[in-house]
Amino acid sequence: MTSFEIIGDISDIETIAAGHKIREVVRLKKLYGPGRWRKRKGIAIIRLANGQTRRAELHGMKRTASAEKNLNESDIWIKSMTIRKQSSRRFAVCVDNSEYPASLEIHKLYRVLSDKDAEREGDLRIVDESGEDYLYPADYFVLVEFPADTARALKKSFASGLQHTR
């Protein structure tokens, strides 16, 4: 079950990154196949699982297939609510990526940003594989607490972008 439904058309769609400027392009090609990948954003009205509607900014990936491969075009939209509160940082381990395999890796540690409205709705604001924060169902994660020294080291590591090195 998806935690939201897009109501109507997505408007104001624009490309915000392309090709090698997309951090997870190698992973996307491995999961979904080759093509010209674009990171896009747009605005839509969404209905949350509890029935409430909101105007939200959606982020997603679009693959335009190469002509010689004759592949189908695909869109993979990933939600991102426009409300952003980053007052505190926590961490969580992904235990389910079934609806978001291009954005989340099982058993990987992710930074959690504070968003009380999202948490009341049963979601967490996670900094995912794209390096940006999006809302995901809270039950896809297990929150993890670390000793103060470890938490400081992790925050420093995540802030410097080391979480993306492999």
C-alpha atoms as a PDB file:
ATOM      1  CA  MET A   1       0.000   0.000   0.000  1.00  0.00           C
ATOM      2  CA  THR A   2       1.304   3.423  -0.932  1.00  0.00           C
ATOM      3  CA  SER A   3       1.285   6.065   1.780  1.00  0.00           C
ATOM      4  CA  PHE A   4      -0.142   8.677  -0.604  1.00  0.00           C
ATOM      5  CA  GLU A   5      -2.068   8.976  -3.863  1.00  0.00           C
ATOM      6  CA  ILE A   6      -1.470  11.640  -6.496  1.00  0.00           C
ATOM      7  CA  ILE A   7      -4.732  13.447  -7.275  1.00  0.00           C
ATOM      8  CA  GLY A   8      -4.783  14.878 -10.785  1.00  0.00           C
ATOM      9  CA  ASP A   9      -1.838  15.966 -12.876  1.00  0.00           C
ATOM     10  CA  ILE A  10       1.667  16.856 -11.756  1.00  0.00           C
ATOM     11  CA  SER A  11       2.367  20.469 -12.731  1.00  0.00           C
ATOM     12  CA  ASP A  12       5.446  22.678 -12.924  1.00  0.00           C
ATOM     13  CA  ILE A  13       7.632  19.700 -13.836  1.00  0.00           C
ATOM     14  CA  GLU A  14      11.279  20.587 -14.301  1.00  0.00           C
ATOM     15  CA  THR A  15      14.519  18.664 -14.655  1.00  0.00           C
ATOM     16  CA  ILE A  16      16.870  19.368 -11.748  1.00  0.00           C
ATOM     17  CA  ALA A  17      19.739  16.992 -12.616  1.00  0.00           C
ATOM     18  CA  ALA A  18      20.832  14.812 -15.515  1.00  0.00           C
ATOM     19  CA  GLY A  19      23.314  12.052 -16.310  1.00  0.00           C
ATOM     20  CA  HIS A  20      26.387  11.838 -14.077  1.00  0.00           C
ATOM     21  CA  LYS A  21      25.054  14.643 -11.833  1.00  0.00           C
ATOM     22  CA  ILE A  22      22.496  12.156 -10.463  1.00  0.00           C
ATOM     23  CA  ARG A  23      24.233  10.449  -7.541  1.00  0.00           C
ATOM     24  CA  GLU A  24      22.432   7.126  -7.905  1.00  0.00           C
ATOM     25  CA  VAL A  25      22.498   6.859 -11.715  1.00  0.00           C
ATOM     26  CA  VAL A  26      24.669   3.714 -11.693  1.00  0.00           C
ATOM     27  CA  ARG A  27      22.245   2.053  -9.264  1.00  0.00           C
ATOM     28  CA  LEU A  28      19.202   3.149 -11.320  1.00  0.00           C
ATOM     29  CA  LYS A  29      20.714   1.723 -14.499  1.00  0.00           C
ATOM     30  CA  LYS A  30      21.442  -1.548 -12.713  1.00  0.00           C
ATOM     31  CA  LEU A  31      17.876  -1.809 -11.338  1.00  0.00           C
ATOM     32  CA  TYR A  32      15.841  -0.411 -14.242  1.00  0.00           C
ATOM     33  CA  GLY A  33      18.106  -0.558 -17.272  1.00  0.00           C
ATOM     34  CA  PRO A  34      20.043   1.861 -19.450  1.00  0.00           C
ATOM     35  CA  GLY A  35      18.721   5.080 -20.859  1.00  0.00           C
ATOM     36  CA  ARG A  36      19.003   8.823 -20.376  1.00  0.00           C
ATOM     37  CA  TRP A  37      18.125   9.410 -16.713  1.00  0.00           C
ATOM     38  CA  ARG A  38      16.789  12.750 -15.454  1.00  0.00           C
ATOM     39  CA  LYS A  39      15.955  13.819 -11.906  1.00  0.00           C
ATOM     40  CA  ARG A  40      12.709  15.807 -11.973  1.00  0.00           C
ATOM     41  CA  LYS A  41      10.449  17.672  -9.601  1.00  0.00           C
ATOM     42  CA  GLY A  42       6.867  18.828  -9.848  1.00  0.00           C
ATOM     43  CA  ILE A  43       3.875  19.967  -7.786  1.00  0.00           C
ATOM     44  CA  ALA A  44       0.706  17.927  -7.190  1.00  0.00           C
ATOM     45  CA  ILE A  45      -2.185  17.566  -4.811  1.00  0.00           C
ATOM     46  CA  ILE A  46      -1.847  14.297  -2.909  1.00  0.00           C
ATOM     47  CA  ARG A  47      -4.173  12.341  -0.635  1.00  0.00           C
ATOM     48  CA  LEU A  48      -2.494  10.823   2.409  1.00  0.00           C
ATOM     49  CA  ALA A  49      -3.429   7.422   3.803  1.00  0.00           C
ATOM     50  CA  ASN A  50      -5.583   9.131   6.463  1.00  0.00           C
ATOM     51  CA  GLY A  51      -7.639  10.924   3.781  1.00  0.00           C
ATOM     52  CA  GLN A  52      -6.129  14.395   4.207  1.00  0.00           C
ATOM     53  CA  THR A  53      -5.093  16.234   1.042  1.00  0.00           C
ATOM     54  CA  ARG A  54      -2.001  18.396   0.686  1.00  0.00           C
ATOM     55  CA  ARG A  55      -0.113  20.248  -1.982  1.00  0.00           C
ATOM     56  CA  ALA A  56       3.276  18.545  -2.219  1.00  0.00           C
ATOM     57  CA  GLU A  57       6.486  18.738  -4.147  1.00  0.00           C
ATOM     58  CA  LEU A  58       7.257  15.395  -5.776  1.00  0.00           C
ATOM     59  CA  HIS A  59      10.726  14.327  -6.837  1.00  0.00           C
ATOM     60  CA  GLY A  60      11.382  11.460  -9.181  1.00  0.00           C
ATOM     61  CA  MET A  61      13.521   9.897 -11.814  1.00  0.00           C
ATOM     62  CA  LYS A  62      12.648   9.640 -15.496  1.00  0.00           C
ATOM     63  CA  ARG A  63      14.318   7.346 -17.928  1.00  0.00           C
ATOM     64  CA  THR A  64      14.144   8.107 -21.629  1.00  0.00           C
ATOM     65  CA  ALA A  65      15.090   4.953 -23.441  1.00  0.00           C
ATOM     66  CA  SER A  66      17.726   4.977 -26.111  1.00  0.00           C
ATOM     67  CA  ALA A  67      16.340   4.430 -29.596  1.00  0.00           C
ATOM     68  CA  GLU A  68      18.650   1.543 -30.444  1.00  0.00           C
ATOM     69  CA  LYS A  69      17.564  -0.450 -27.368  1.00  0.00           C
ATOM     70  CA  ASN A  70      13.846   0.255 -27.991  1.00  0.00           C
ATOM     71  CA  LEU A  71      13.146   0.369 -24.253  1.00  0.00           C
ATOM     72  CA  ASN A  72       9.940   1.692 -22.713  1.00  0.00           C
ATOM     73  CA  GLU A  73       9.947   5.061 -20.971  1.00  0.00           C
ATOM     74  CA  SER A  74       9.464   4.839 -17.200  1.00  0.00           C
ATOM     75  CA  ASP A  75       8.811   7.281 -14.391  1.00  0.00           C
ATOM     76  CA  ILE A  76       9.701   6.597 -10.795  1.00  0.00           C
ATOM     77  CA  TRP A  77       8.220   9.338  -8.608  1.00  0.00           C
ATOM     78  CA  ILE A  78       9.388   9.638  -5.040  1.00  0.00           C
ATOM     79  CA  LYS A  79       7.459  11.877  -2.688  1.00  0.00           C
ATOM     80  CA  SER A  80       8.812  14.864  -0.853  1.00  0.00           C
ATOM     81  CA  MET A  81       6.527  17.046   1.210  1.00  0.00           C
ATOM     82  CA  THR A  82       7.419  20.722   1.036  1.00  0.00           C
ATOM     83  CA  ILE A  83       7.420  21.182   4.823  1.00  0.00           C
ATOM     84  CA  ARG A  84      11.004  20.836   6.017  1.00  0.00           C
ATOM     85  CA  LYS A  85      12.070  20.982   9.636  1.00  0.00           C
ATOM     86  CA  GLN A  86      15.685  20.048  10.297  1.00  0.00           C
ATOM     87  CA  SER A  87      16.060  20.889  13.974  1.00  0.00           C
ATOM     88  CA  SER A  88      17.415  17.522  15.118  1.00  0.00           C
ATOM     89  CA  ARG A  89      19.098  14.546  13.496  1.00  0.00           C
ATOM     90  CA  ARG A  90      18.512  10.909  14.255  1.00  0.00           C
ATOM     91  CA  PHE A  91      19.358   7.676  12.484  1.00  0.00           C
ATOM     92  CA  ALA A  92      17.353   4.692  11.257  1.00  0.00           C
ATOM     93  CA  VAL A  93      18.045   1.382   9.537  1.00  0.00           C
ATOM     94  CA  CYS A  94      15.932   0.497   6.489  1.00  0.00           C
ATOM     95  CA  VAL A  95      14.097  -2.817   6.949  1.00  0.00           C
ATOM     96  CA  ASP A  96      11.745  -2.582   3.925  1.00  0.00           C
ATOM     97  CA  ASN A  97      12.367  -0.964   0.541  1.00  0.00           C
ATOM     98  CA  SER A  98       9.669  -2.815  -1.412  1.00  0.00           C
ATOM     99  CA  GLU A  99       8.053   0.352  -2.814  1.00  0.00           C
ATOM    100  CA  TYR A 100      11.275   2.358  -3.160  1.00  0.00           C
ATOM    101  CA  PRO A 101      14.086   0.055  -4.345  1.00  0.00           C
ATOM    102  CA  ALA A 102      15.810   2.859  -6.257  1.00  0.00           C
ATOM    103  CA  SER A 103      15.884   5.131  -3.220  1.00  0.00           C
ATOM    104  CA  LEU A 104      16.478   2.869  -0.221  1.00  0.00           C
ATOM    105  CA  GLU A 105      18.785  -0.040   0.531  1.00  0.00           C
ATOM    106  CA  ILE A 106      17.845  -2.778   3.010  1.00  0.00           C
ATOM    107  CA  HIS A 107      19.939  -2.756   6.216  1.00  0.00           C
ATOM    108  CA  LYS A 108      21.520   0.614   5.413  1.00  0.00           C
ATOM    109  CA  LEU A 109      21.753   3.404   7.990  1.00  0.00           C
ATOM    110  CA  TYR A 110      19.961   6.644   7.022  1.00  0.00           C
ATOM    111  CA  ARG A 111      19.815  10.088   8.585  1.00  0.00           C
ATOM    112  CA  VAL A 112      16.359  11.059   9.885  1.00  0.00           C
ATOM    113  CA  LEU A 113      15.352  14.728   9.906  1.00  0.00           C
ATOM    114  CA  SER A 114      12.818  16.074  12.355  1.00  0.00           C
ATOM    115  CA  ASP A 115       9.310  16.578  10.926  1.00  0.00           C
ATOM    116  CA  LYS A 116       6.645  16.285  13.625  1.00  0.00           C
ATOM    117  CA  ASP A 117       3.747  16.640  11.145  1.00  0.00           C
ATOM    118  CA  ALA A 118       5.073  13.733   9.095  1.00  0.00           C
ATOM    119  CA  GLU A 119       5.641  11.608  12.193  1.00  0.00           C
ATOM    120  CA  ARG A 120       2.037  12.218  13.315  1.00  0.00           C
ATOM    121  CA  GLU A 121       0.986  10.858   9.902  1.00  0.00           C
ATOM    122  CA  GLY A 122       3.171   7.750  10.329  1.00  0.00           C
ATOM    123  CA  ASP A 123       6.058   8.880   8.117  1.00  0.00           C
ATOM    124  CA  LEU A 124       9.737   9.710   8.618  1.00  0.00           C
ATOM    125  CA  ARG A 125      11.769  12.302   6.707  1.00  0.00           C
ATOM    126  CA  ILE A 126      14.789  10.305   5.489  1.00  0.00           C
ATOM    127  CA  VAL A 127      17.883  11.459   3.604  1.00  0.00           C
ATOM    128  CA  ASP A 128      17.904   8.702   0.974  1.00  0.00           C
ATOM    129  CA  GLU A 129      20.264   7.520  -1.788  1.00  0.00           C
ATOM    130  CA  SER A 130      19.742  10.765  -3.734  1.00  0.00           C
ATOM    131  CA  GLY A 131      21.245  12.725  -0.841  1.00  0.00           C
ATOM    132  CA  GLU A 132      17.987  14.647  -0.400  1.00  0.00           C
ATOM    133  CA  ASP A 133      15.241  14.200   2.180  1.00  0.00           C
ATOM    134  CA  TYR A 134      11.872  12.598   1.400  1.00  0.00           C
ATOM    135  CA  LEU A 135       8.993  11.176   3.402  1.00  0.00           C
ATOM    136  CA  TYR A 136       8.792   7.399   3.768  1.00  0.00           C
ATOM    137  CA  PRO A 137       6.511   5.167   5.852  1.00  0.00           C
ATOM    138  CA  ALA A 138       7.951   4.924   9.388  1.00  0.00           C
ATOM    139  CA  ASP A 139       7.440   1.158   9.423  1.00  0.00           C
ATOM    140  CA  TYR A 140      10.086   0.855   6.687  1.00  0.00           C
ATOM    141  CA  PHE A 141      12.699   1.769   9.322  1.00  0.00           C
ATOM    142  CA  VAL A 142      13.921   0.935  12.789  1.00  0.00           C
ATOM    143  CA  LEU A 143      15.165   3.979  14.710  1.00  0.00           C
ATOM    144  CA  VAL A 144      18.631   3.481  16.180  1.00  0.00           C
ATOM    145  CA  GLU A 145      20.165   5.248  19.156  1.00  0.00           C
ATOM    146  CA  PHE A 146      23.919   5.525  19.559  1.00  0.00           C
ATOM    147  CA  PRO A 147      26.183   6.616  22.415  1.00  0.00           C
ATOM    148  CA  ALA A 148      26.882  10.383  22.258  1.00  0.00           C
ATOM    149  CA  ASP A 149      30.417   9.970  20.824  1.00  0.00           C
ATOM    150  CA  THR A 150      29.189   7.648  18.082  1.00  0.00           C
ATOM    151  CA  ALA A 151      26.248   9.926  17.231  1.00  0.00           C
ATOM    152  CA  ARG A 152      28.602  12.939  16.922  1.00  0.00           C
ATOM    153  CA  ALA A 153      30.928  10.983  14.627  1.00  0.00           C
ATOM    154  CA  LEU A 154      28.002   9.824  12.472  1.00  0.00           C
ATOM    155  CA  LYS A 155      26.574  13.342  12.209  1.00  0.00           C
ATOM    156  CA  LYS A 156      29.990  14.621  11.104  1.00  0.00           C
ATOM    157  CA  SER A 157      30.327  11.767   8.598  1.00  0.00           C
ATOM    158  CA  PHE A 158      26.831  12.322   7.160  1.00  0.00           C
ATOM    159  CA  ALA A 159      27.380  16.091   6.998  1.00  0.00           C
ATOM    160  CA  SER A 160      30.571  15.658   4.977  1.00  0.00           C
ATOM    161  CA  GLY A 161      28.917  13.256   2.531  1.00  0.00           C
ATOM    162  CA  LEU A 162      30.909  10.182   3.552  1.00  0.00           C
ATOM    163  CA  GLN A 163      27.709   8.113   3.688  1.00  0.00           C
ATOM    164  CA  HIS A 164      27.775   7.984  -0.112  1.00  0.00           C
ATOM    165  CA  THR A 165      31.224   6.470  -0.439  1.00  0.00           C
ATOM    166  CA  ARG A 166      31.391   2.761  -1.056  1.00  0.00           C
END
